[in-house]
Amino acid sequence: RSDYMPLDITTLSLIPDYDHNRKIDDKDRQRALKKDPYYFWVNDDDGYGDTEGTGIPASSLYLLNSPKVNGTRDLIDYFPVYLDIAKMKALYSPGSYKYKLHHAPSTLNLVETTLTPDAAGKYLTDVPTAQELAFAKKTPITFILLTLNHIQI
């Protein structure tokens, strides 16, 4: 049996890079707290490898359902989000609680990285970082047990 405890936005925050400056900072945090919408697109083009594909939307449903990133060309379609759970960890010890991220109806995927908020968009400008993530595993966000030792806070 599992017990669920809903948490409010002051305990848990998902903070995107609103201004696309490749950093997640206090300006982005303030917008997230105001619940500003963040606009992004569906990654349904045929970009793969380093330079292959046309980039035309709706050109590849196969790649959309791929279990991994499809090369450095595909990374342009991803956007960084900082999962800020520092307050939650202080209130609810990871030794006593399991942290789960849930989203329905599984329209989003997660690629875990070790990038810090200050370097959230490094995968777009740094070749070694892009190559490291080029074929990273995507995890559909339906029900994920967060492994806190893999998330930098």
N, C-alpha and C. Protein backbone atom coordinates (compact mmCIF):
# COMPACT_ATOMS: atom_id res chain seq x y z
N ARG A 1 0.84 -1.17 0.00
CA ARG A 1 0.00 0.00 0.00
C ARG A 1 0.89 1.24 0.00
N SER A 2 0.48 2.25 -0.77
CA SER A 2 1.22 3.51 -0.83
C SER A 2 0.34 4.64 -0.33
N ASP A 3 0.93 5.55 0.39
CA ASP A 3 0.25 6.77 0.78
C ASP A 3 0.85 7.91 -0.02
N TYR A 4 -0.01 8.78 -0.51
CA TYR A 4 0.44 9.92 -1.30
C TYR A 4 0.24 11.19 -0.50
N MET A 5 1.19 12.10 -0.61
CA MET A 5 1.11 13.37 0.07
C MET A 5 1.26 14.47 -0.99
N PRO A 6 0.18 15.22 -1.28
CA PRO A 6 0.34 16.30 -2.26
C PRO A 6 1.21 17.41 -1.69
N LEU A 7 2.05 17.98 -2.53
CA LEU A 7 2.94 19.05 -2.11
C LEU A 7 2.64 20.29 -2.94
N ASP A 8 2.75 21.45 -2.33
CA ASP A 8 2.46 22.67 -3.06
C ASP A 8 3.71 23.20 -3.76
N ILE A 9 3.53 24.22 -4.56
CA ILE A 9 4.60 24.76 -5.41
C ILE A 9 5.76 25.32 -4.60
N THR A 10 5.52 25.72 -3.34
CA THR A 10 6.62 26.26 -2.54
C THR A 10 7.54 25.15 -2.04
N THR A 11 7.08 23.90 -2.08
CA THR A 11 7.90 22.77 -1.64
C THR A 11 8.60 22.10 -2.82
N LEU A 12 7.96 22.12 -3.96
CA LEU A 12 8.49 21.48 -5.16
C LEU A 12 8.32 22.42 -6.33
N SER A 13 9.37 22.65 -7.08
CA SER A 13 9.28 23.54 -8.23
C SER A 13 9.91 22.91 -9.46
N LEU A 14 9.22 23.01 -10.58
CA LEU A 14 9.77 22.67 -11.89
C LEU A 14 10.01 24.01 -12.57
N ILE A 15 11.27 24.31 -12.84
CA ILE A 15 11.62 25.63 -13.35
C ILE A 15 12.28 25.50 -14.71
N PRO A 16 11.60 25.94 -15.78
CA PRO A 16 12.20 25.91 -17.12
C PRO A 16 13.07 27.15 -17.36
N ASP A 17 13.81 27.12 -18.42
CA ASP A 17 14.64 28.25 -18.86
C ASP A 17 13.75 29.17 -19.71
N TYR A 18 12.92 29.97 -19.05
CA TYR A 18 11.94 30.81 -19.74
C TYR A 18 12.56 31.70 -20.81
N ASP A 19 13.66 32.36 -20.51
CA ASP A 19 14.24 33.33 -21.46
C ASP A 19 15.25 32.70 -22.41
N HIS A 20 15.41 31.40 -22.36
CA HIS A 20 16.28 30.65 -23.29
C HIS A 20 17.73 31.16 -23.30
N ASN A 21 18.20 31.59 -22.13
CA ASN A 21 19.60 32.05 -22.06
C ASN A 21 20.54 30.93 -21.61
N ARG A 22 20.04 29.70 -21.59
CA ARG A 22 20.78 28.49 -21.23
C ARG A 22 21.17 28.44 -19.76
N LYS A 23 20.49 29.26 -18.92
CA LYS A 23 20.69 29.26 -17.47
C LYS A 23 19.32 29.28 -16.82
N ILE A 24 19.19 28.59 -15.72
CA ILE A 24 17.96 28.67 -14.93
C ILE A 24 18.32 29.43 -13.67
N ASP A 25 17.78 30.65 -13.58
CA ASP A 25 18.17 31.55 -12.50
C ASP A 25 16.94 32.09 -11.77
N ASP A 26 17.16 33.12 -10.94
CA ASP A 26 16.06 33.68 -10.14
C ASP A 26 14.94 34.27 -11.00
N LYS A 27 15.27 34.82 -12.16
CA LYS A 27 14.21 35.34 -13.05
C LYS A 27 13.29 34.20 -13.49
N ASP A 28 13.88 33.07 -13.84
CA ASP A 28 13.08 31.92 -14.24
C ASP A 28 12.26 31.39 -13.05
N ARG A 29 12.87 31.36 -11.88
CA ARG A 29 12.17 30.90 -10.67
C ARG A 29 10.95 31.77 -10.39
N GLN A 30 11.12 33.09 -10.51
CA GLN A 30 9.99 34.00 -10.25
C GLN A 30 8.84 33.76 -11.23
N ARG A 31 9.17 33.54 -12.47
CA ARG A 31 8.12 33.26 -13.47
C ARG A 31 7.42 31.94 -13.17
N ALA A 32 8.18 30.94 -12.72
CA ALA A 32 7.57 29.65 -12.38
C ALA A 32 6.64 29.81 -11.18
N LEU A 33 7.06 30.58 -10.19
CA LEU A 33 6.22 30.80 -9.02
C LEU A 33 4.94 31.57 -9.37
N LYS A 34 5.02 32.42 -10.39
CA LYS A 34 3.82 33.15 -10.86
C LYS A 34 2.96 32.27 -11.77
N LYS A 35 3.44 31.05 -12.03
CA LYS A 35 2.75 30.08 -12.89
C LYS A 35 2.62 30.58 -14.33
N ASP A 36 3.64 31.32 -14.79
CA ASP A 36 3.68 31.72 -16.20
C ASP A 36 3.74 30.46 -17.06
N PRO A 37 2.98 30.44 -18.15
CA PRO A 37 3.07 29.27 -19.03
C PRO A 37 4.43 29.23 -19.72
N TYR A 38 4.90 28.02 -19.97
CA TYR A 38 6.14 27.82 -20.72
C TYR A 38 5.76 27.11 -22.01
N TYR A 39 6.12 27.69 -23.13
CA TYR A 39 5.75 27.13 -24.43
C TYR A 39 6.91 26.33 -25.02
N PHE A 40 6.61 25.15 -25.51
CA PHE A 40 7.59 24.30 -26.15
C PHE A 40 6.89 23.52 -27.24
N TRP A 41 7.66 22.83 -28.05
CA TRP A 41 7.08 22.10 -29.17
C TRP A 41 7.27 20.61 -28.99
N VAL A 42 6.50 19.86 -29.74
CA VAL A 42 6.60 18.41 -29.72
C VAL A 42 7.82 18.00 -30.55
N ASN A 43 8.60 17.09 -30.03
CA ASN A 43 9.78 16.60 -30.73
C ASN A 43 9.35 15.49 -31.70
N ASP A 44 8.73 15.89 -32.82
CA ASP A 44 8.22 14.91 -33.78
C ASP A 44 8.83 15.07 -35.17
N ASP A 45 10.03 15.68 -35.21
CA ASP A 45 10.70 15.79 -36.51
C ASP A 45 11.62 14.58 -36.72
N ASP A 46 12.31 14.58 -37.84
CA ASP A 46 13.14 13.42 -38.19
C ASP A 46 14.64 13.66 -37.98
N GLY A 47 15.00 14.62 -37.12
CA GLY A 47 16.40 14.88 -36.85
C GLY A 47 17.05 13.74 -36.08
N TYR A 48 18.23 13.30 -36.54
CA TYR A 48 18.96 12.24 -35.86
C TYR A 48 20.43 12.33 -36.21
N GLY A 49 21.25 11.55 -35.50
CA GLY A 49 22.69 11.60 -35.74
C GLY A 49 23.25 12.97 -35.41
N ASP A 50 24.25 13.40 -36.19
CA ASP A 50 24.82 14.73 -35.98
C ASP A 50 24.16 15.79 -36.86
N THR A 51 23.81 15.42 -38.09
CA THR A 51 23.26 16.42 -39.02
C THR A 51 22.12 15.88 -39.87
N GLU A 52 21.72 14.64 -39.66
CA GLU A 52 20.73 14.02 -40.55
C GLU A 52 19.31 14.48 -40.23
N GLY A 53 18.45 14.40 -41.25
CA GLY A 53 17.04 14.74 -41.12
C GLY A 53 16.74 16.14 -41.61
N THR A 54 15.46 16.40 -41.80
CA THR A 54 15.03 17.70 -42.33
C THR A 54 14.63 18.68 -41.24
N GLY A 55 14.23 18.17 -40.07
CA GLY A 55 13.76 19.04 -39.01
C GLY A 55 12.32 19.48 -39.19
N ILE A 56 11.63 18.91 -40.18
CA ILE A 56 10.25 19.29 -40.45
C ILE A 56 9.33 18.63 -39.42
N PRO A 57 8.47 19.43 -38.74
CA PRO A 57 7.55 18.85 -37.76
C PRO A 57 6.66 17.77 -38.37
N ALA A 58 6.32 16.80 -37.55
CA ALA A 58 5.44 15.66 -37.91
C ALA A 58 6.04 14.77 -39.00
N SER A 59 7.36 14.79 -39.15
CA SER A 59 7.99 13.97 -40.18
C SER A 59 8.45 12.61 -39.67
N SER A 60 8.35 12.36 -38.35
CA SER A 60 8.78 11.05 -37.86
C SER A 60 8.14 10.69 -36.54
N LEU A 61 7.08 9.93 -36.61
CA LEU A 61 6.47 9.43 -35.39
C LEU A 61 7.31 8.31 -34.78
N TYR A 62 8.10 7.62 -35.61
CA TYR A 62 8.99 6.58 -35.10
C TYR A 62 9.99 7.17 -34.12
N LEU A 63 10.65 8.27 -34.50
CA LEU A 63 11.64 8.88 -33.62
C LEU A 63 10.99 9.47 -32.38
N LEU A 64 9.75 9.93 -32.50
CA LEU A 64 9.03 10.48 -31.36
C LEU A 64 8.91 9.44 -30.25
N ASN A 65 8.71 8.20 -30.61
CA ASN A 65 8.54 7.13 -29.63
C ASN A 65 9.83 6.38 -29.32
N SER A 66 10.95 6.87 -29.79
CA SER A 66 12.23 6.23 -29.55
C SER A 66 12.56 6.25 -28.05
N PRO A 67 13.20 5.20 -27.53
CA PRO A 67 13.53 5.15 -26.10
C PRO A 67 14.77 5.96 -25.72
N LYS A 68 15.38 6.63 -26.70
CA LYS A 68 16.59 7.41 -26.40
C LYS A 68 16.63 8.67 -27.25
N VAL A 69 17.51 9.57 -26.88
CA VAL A 69 17.80 10.74 -27.71
C VAL A 69 18.40 10.21 -29.01
N ASN A 70 18.06 10.83 -30.12
CA ASN A 70 18.48 10.32 -31.43
C ASN A 70 19.66 11.10 -32.02
N GLY A 71 20.68 11.32 -31.22
CA GLY A 71 21.89 11.99 -31.69
C GLY A 71 21.93 13.46 -31.31
N THR A 72 23.05 14.10 -31.62
CA THR A 72 23.22 15.51 -31.25
C THR A 72 22.22 16.41 -31.98
N ARG A 73 21.82 16.05 -33.19
CA ARG A 73 20.84 16.84 -33.96
C ARG A 73 19.50 16.91 -33.24
N ASP A 74 19.15 15.85 -32.52
CA ASP A 74 17.89 15.77 -31.81
C ASP A 74 17.86 16.66 -30.56
N LEU A 75 19.03 16.99 -30.01
CA LEU A 75 19.08 17.74 -28.75
C LEU A 75 18.46 19.13 -28.85
N ILE A 76 18.44 19.73 -30.03
CA ILE A 76 17.86 21.07 -30.18
C ILE A 76 16.38 21.08 -29.82
N ASP A 77 15.74 19.92 -29.89
CA ASP A 77 14.31 19.82 -29.58
C ASP A 77 14.02 19.63 -28.10
N TYR A 78 15.04 19.55 -27.28
CA TYR A 78 14.86 19.38 -25.84
C TYR A 78 14.97 20.72 -25.13
N PHE A 79 14.37 20.80 -23.95
CA PHE A 79 14.47 22.03 -23.17
C PHE A 79 14.81 21.68 -21.73
N PRO A 80 15.64 22.50 -21.09
CA PRO A 80 16.04 22.20 -19.71
C PRO A 80 14.97 22.63 -18.71
N VAL A 81 14.79 21.79 -17.70
CA VAL A 81 13.90 22.09 -16.58
C VAL A 81 14.65 21.70 -15.31
N TYR A 82 14.67 22.59 -14.35
CA TYR A 82 15.31 22.32 -13.07
C TYR A 82 14.25 21.82 -12.09
N LEU A 83 14.47 20.64 -11.55
CA LEU A 83 13.59 20.07 -10.56
C LEU A 83 14.14 20.46 -9.19
N ASP A 84 13.57 21.50 -8.61
CA ASP A 84 14.05 22.04 -7.34
C ASP A 84 13.31 21.36 -6.19
N ILE A 85 13.98 20.44 -5.53
CA ILE A 85 13.36 19.71 -4.44
C ILE A 85 14.12 19.90 -3.12
N ALA A 86 14.94 20.95 -3.03
CA ALA A 86 15.73 21.18 -1.82
C ALA A 86 14.84 21.35 -0.59
N LYS A 87 13.77 22.16 -0.70
CA LYS A 87 12.88 22.36 0.45
C LYS A 87 12.18 21.06 0.81
N MET A 88 11.79 20.31 -0.20
CA MET A 88 11.11 19.05 0.05
C MET A 88 12.04 18.07 0.78
N LYS A 89 13.30 18.03 0.37
CA LYS A 89 14.26 17.14 1.04
C LYS A 89 14.46 17.54 2.49
N ALA A 90 14.44 18.85 2.77
CA ALA A 90 14.61 19.32 4.14
C ALA A 90 13.41 18.94 5.01
N LEU A 91 12.22 18.99 4.43
CA LEU A 91 11.00 18.68 5.19
C LEU A 91 10.74 17.18 5.29
N TYR A 92 11.06 16.45 4.22
CA TYR A 92 10.74 15.03 4.13
C TYR A 92 12.00 14.27 3.73
N SER A 93 12.68 13.72 4.70
CA SER A 93 13.97 13.07 4.50
C SER A 93 13.88 11.97 3.45
N PRO A 94 14.79 11.98 2.46
CA PRO A 94 14.82 10.91 1.46
C PRO A 94 15.02 9.53 2.08
N GLY A 95 15.55 9.46 3.29
CA GLY A 95 15.69 8.18 3.96
C GLY A 95 14.37 7.61 4.45
N SER A 96 13.37 8.48 4.59
CA SER A 96 12.06 8.06 5.10
C SER A 96 10.96 8.10 4.07
N TYR A 97 11.17 8.82 2.98
CA TYR A 97 10.14 8.99 1.97
C TYR A 97 10.67 8.62 0.59
N LYS A 98 9.80 8.12 -0.27
CA LYS A 98 10.13 7.91 -1.68
C LYS A 98 9.58 9.08 -2.45
N TYR A 99 10.37 9.61 -3.36
CA TYR A 99 9.95 10.74 -4.18
C TYR A 99 9.53 10.21 -5.54
N LYS A 100 8.33 10.56 -5.97
CA LYS A 100 7.84 10.10 -7.26
C LYS A 100 7.34 11.28 -8.07
N LEU A 101 7.67 11.29 -9.33
CA LEU A 101 7.22 12.30 -10.27
C LEU A 101 6.19 11.64 -11.17
N HIS A 102 5.03 12.24 -11.26
CA HIS A 102 3.94 11.60 -12.00
C HIS A 102 3.38 12.60 -13.01
N HIS A 103 3.12 12.11 -14.19
CA HIS A 103 2.50 12.92 -15.24
C HIS A 103 1.63 12.01 -16.08
N ALA A 104 0.45 12.44 -16.36
CA ALA A 104 -0.44 11.68 -17.24
C ALA A 104 -0.86 12.60 -18.36
N PRO A 105 -1.05 12.15 -19.51
CA PRO A 105 -1.06 10.77 -20.02
C PRO A 105 0.25 10.38 -20.70
N SER A 106 1.35 10.56 -20.08
CA SER A 106 2.69 10.18 -20.55
C SER A 106 3.08 10.86 -21.86
N THR A 107 2.92 12.15 -21.89
CA THR A 107 3.29 12.91 -23.08
C THR A 107 4.68 13.54 -22.96
N LEU A 108 5.31 13.41 -21.83
CA LEU A 108 6.64 13.98 -21.63
C LEU A 108 7.64 12.88 -21.34
N ASN A 109 8.90 13.15 -21.72
CA ASN A 109 10.01 12.25 -21.41
C ASN A 109 11.05 13.01 -20.61
N LEU A 110 11.79 12.31 -19.81
CA LEU A 110 12.83 12.87 -18.98
C LEU A 110 14.17 12.30 -19.41
N VAL A 111 15.17 13.17 -19.55
CA VAL A 111 16.55 12.75 -19.75
C VAL A 111 17.31 13.33 -18.58
N GLU A 112 17.78 12.47 -17.69
CA GLU A 112 18.52 12.94 -16.52
C GLU A 112 19.93 13.35 -16.92
N THR A 113 20.38 14.46 -16.33
CA THR A 113 21.74 14.93 -16.56
C THR A 113 22.35 15.36 -15.23
N THR A 114 23.60 15.69 -15.26
CA THR A 114 24.27 16.26 -14.09
C THR A 114 24.47 17.76 -14.25
N LEU A 115 23.84 18.35 -15.25
CA LEU A 115 23.98 19.79 -15.49
C LEU A 115 23.37 20.58 -14.33
N THR A 116 24.04 21.63 -13.93
CA THR A 116 23.54 22.51 -12.87
C THR A 116 22.64 23.58 -13.49
N PRO A 117 21.83 24.26 -12.68
CA PRO A 117 20.99 25.33 -13.23
C PRO A 117 21.79 26.38 -14.01
N ASP A 118 22.99 26.72 -13.54
CA ASP A 118 23.83 27.71 -14.23
C ASP A 118 24.30 27.25 -15.60
N ALA A 119 24.31 25.94 -15.83
CA ALA A 119 24.78 25.39 -17.11
C ALA A 119 23.70 24.55 -17.77
N ALA A 120 22.44 24.89 -17.53
CA ALA A 120 21.31 24.07 -18.00
C ALA A 120 21.31 23.85 -19.51
N GLY A 121 21.74 24.82 -20.28
CA GLY A 121 21.73 24.70 -21.74
C GLY A 121 23.07 24.36 -22.34
N LYS A 122 24.01 23.90 -21.53
CA LYS A 122 25.36 23.59 -22.02
C LYS A 122 25.35 22.56 -23.14
N TYR A 123 24.36 21.68 -23.14
CA TYR A 123 24.27 20.65 -24.18
C TYR A 123 24.05 21.24 -25.57
N LEU A 124 23.66 22.53 -25.64
CA LEU A 124 23.44 23.20 -26.92
C LEU A 124 24.68 23.89 -27.46
N THR A 125 25.68 24.12 -26.62
CA THR A 125 26.85 24.89 -27.04
C THR A 125 28.18 24.17 -26.84
N ASP A 126 28.20 23.10 -26.08
CA ASP A 126 29.44 22.40 -25.75
C ASP A 126 29.42 21.01 -26.39
N VAL A 127 30.33 20.77 -27.31
CA VAL A 127 30.34 19.51 -28.07
C VAL A 127 30.48 18.28 -27.17
N PRO A 128 31.44 18.23 -26.23
CA PRO A 128 31.53 17.04 -25.38
C PRO A 128 30.24 16.76 -24.60
N THR A 129 29.59 17.80 -24.11
CA THR A 129 28.33 17.61 -23.38
C THR A 129 27.26 17.08 -24.31
N ALA A 130 27.17 17.63 -25.51
CA ALA A 130 26.19 17.16 -26.49
C ALA A 130 26.45 15.71 -26.85
N GLN A 131 27.71 15.35 -27.06
CA GLN A 131 28.03 13.96 -27.40
C GLN A 131 27.70 13.00 -26.26
N GLU A 132 27.88 13.47 -25.03
CA GLU A 132 27.55 12.64 -23.88
C GLU A 132 26.05 12.35 -23.80
N LEU A 133 25.22 13.30 -24.21
CA LEU A 133 23.76 13.15 -24.14
C LEU A 133 23.13 12.68 -25.45
N ALA A 134 23.93 12.56 -26.50
CA ALA A 134 23.41 12.28 -27.85
C ALA A 134 22.54 11.04 -27.94
N PHE A 135 22.79 10.04 -27.15
CA PHE A 135 22.01 8.81 -27.20
C PHE A 135 21.54 8.39 -25.80
N ALA A 136 21.32 9.41 -24.96
CA ALA A 136 20.89 9.16 -23.58
C ALA A 136 19.50 8.54 -23.55
N LYS A 137 19.26 7.76 -22.53
CA LYS A 137 17.96 7.11 -22.35
C LYS A 137 16.90 8.15 -21.99
N LYS A 138 15.74 8.04 -22.63
CA LYS A 138 14.58 8.86 -22.29
C LYS A 138 13.68 8.03 -21.39
N THR A 139 13.16 8.63 -20.35
CA THR A 139 12.22 7.95 -19.46
C THR A 139 10.87 8.63 -19.58
N PRO A 140 9.84 7.92 -20.03
CA PRO A 140 8.51 8.54 -20.09
C PRO A 140 8.06 8.90 -18.68
N ILE A 141 7.55 10.11 -18.53
CA ILE A 141 7.06 10.53 -17.22
C ILE A 141 5.63 10.05 -17.09
N THR A 142 5.49 8.86 -16.57
CA THR A 142 4.18 8.34 -16.20
C THR A 142 4.20 8.13 -14.70
N PHE A 143 5.25 7.52 -14.22
CA PHE A 143 5.42 7.32 -12.78
C PHE A 143 6.88 6.98 -12.57
N ILE A 144 7.66 7.91 -12.06
CA ILE A 144 9.11 7.73 -11.94
C ILE A 144 9.51 7.86 -10.48
N LEU A 145 10.26 6.92 -9.99
CA LEU A 145 10.86 7.04 -8.68
C LEU A 145 12.12 7.87 -8.85
N LEU A 146 12.16 9.01 -8.22
CA LEU A 146 13.32 9.88 -8.35
C LEU A 146 14.48 9.33 -7.53
N THR A 147 15.61 9.16 -8.15
CA THR A 147 16.80 8.76 -7.43
C THR A 147 17.58 10.02 -7.11
N LEU A 148 17.46 10.47 -5.90
CA LEU A 148 17.98 11.78 -5.52
C LEU A 148 19.49 11.89 -5.68
N ASN A 149 20.21 10.80 -5.61
CA ASN A 149 21.65 10.88 -5.78
C ASN A 149 22.04 11.19 -7.22
N HIS A 150 21.10 11.16 -8.17
CA HIS A 150 21.40 11.51 -9.56
C HIS A 150 20.96 12.91 -9.92
N ILE A 151 20.31 13.61 -9.00
CA ILE A 151 19.80 14.95 -9.29
C ILE A 151 20.62 15.95 -8.50
N GLN A 152 21.19 16.92 -9.19
CA GLN A 152 21.98 17.93 -8.50
C GLN A 152 21.08 19.01 -7.96
N ILE A 153 21.29 19.38 -6.74
CA ILE A 153 20.47 20.42 -6.08
C ILE A 153 21.38 21.51 -5.62
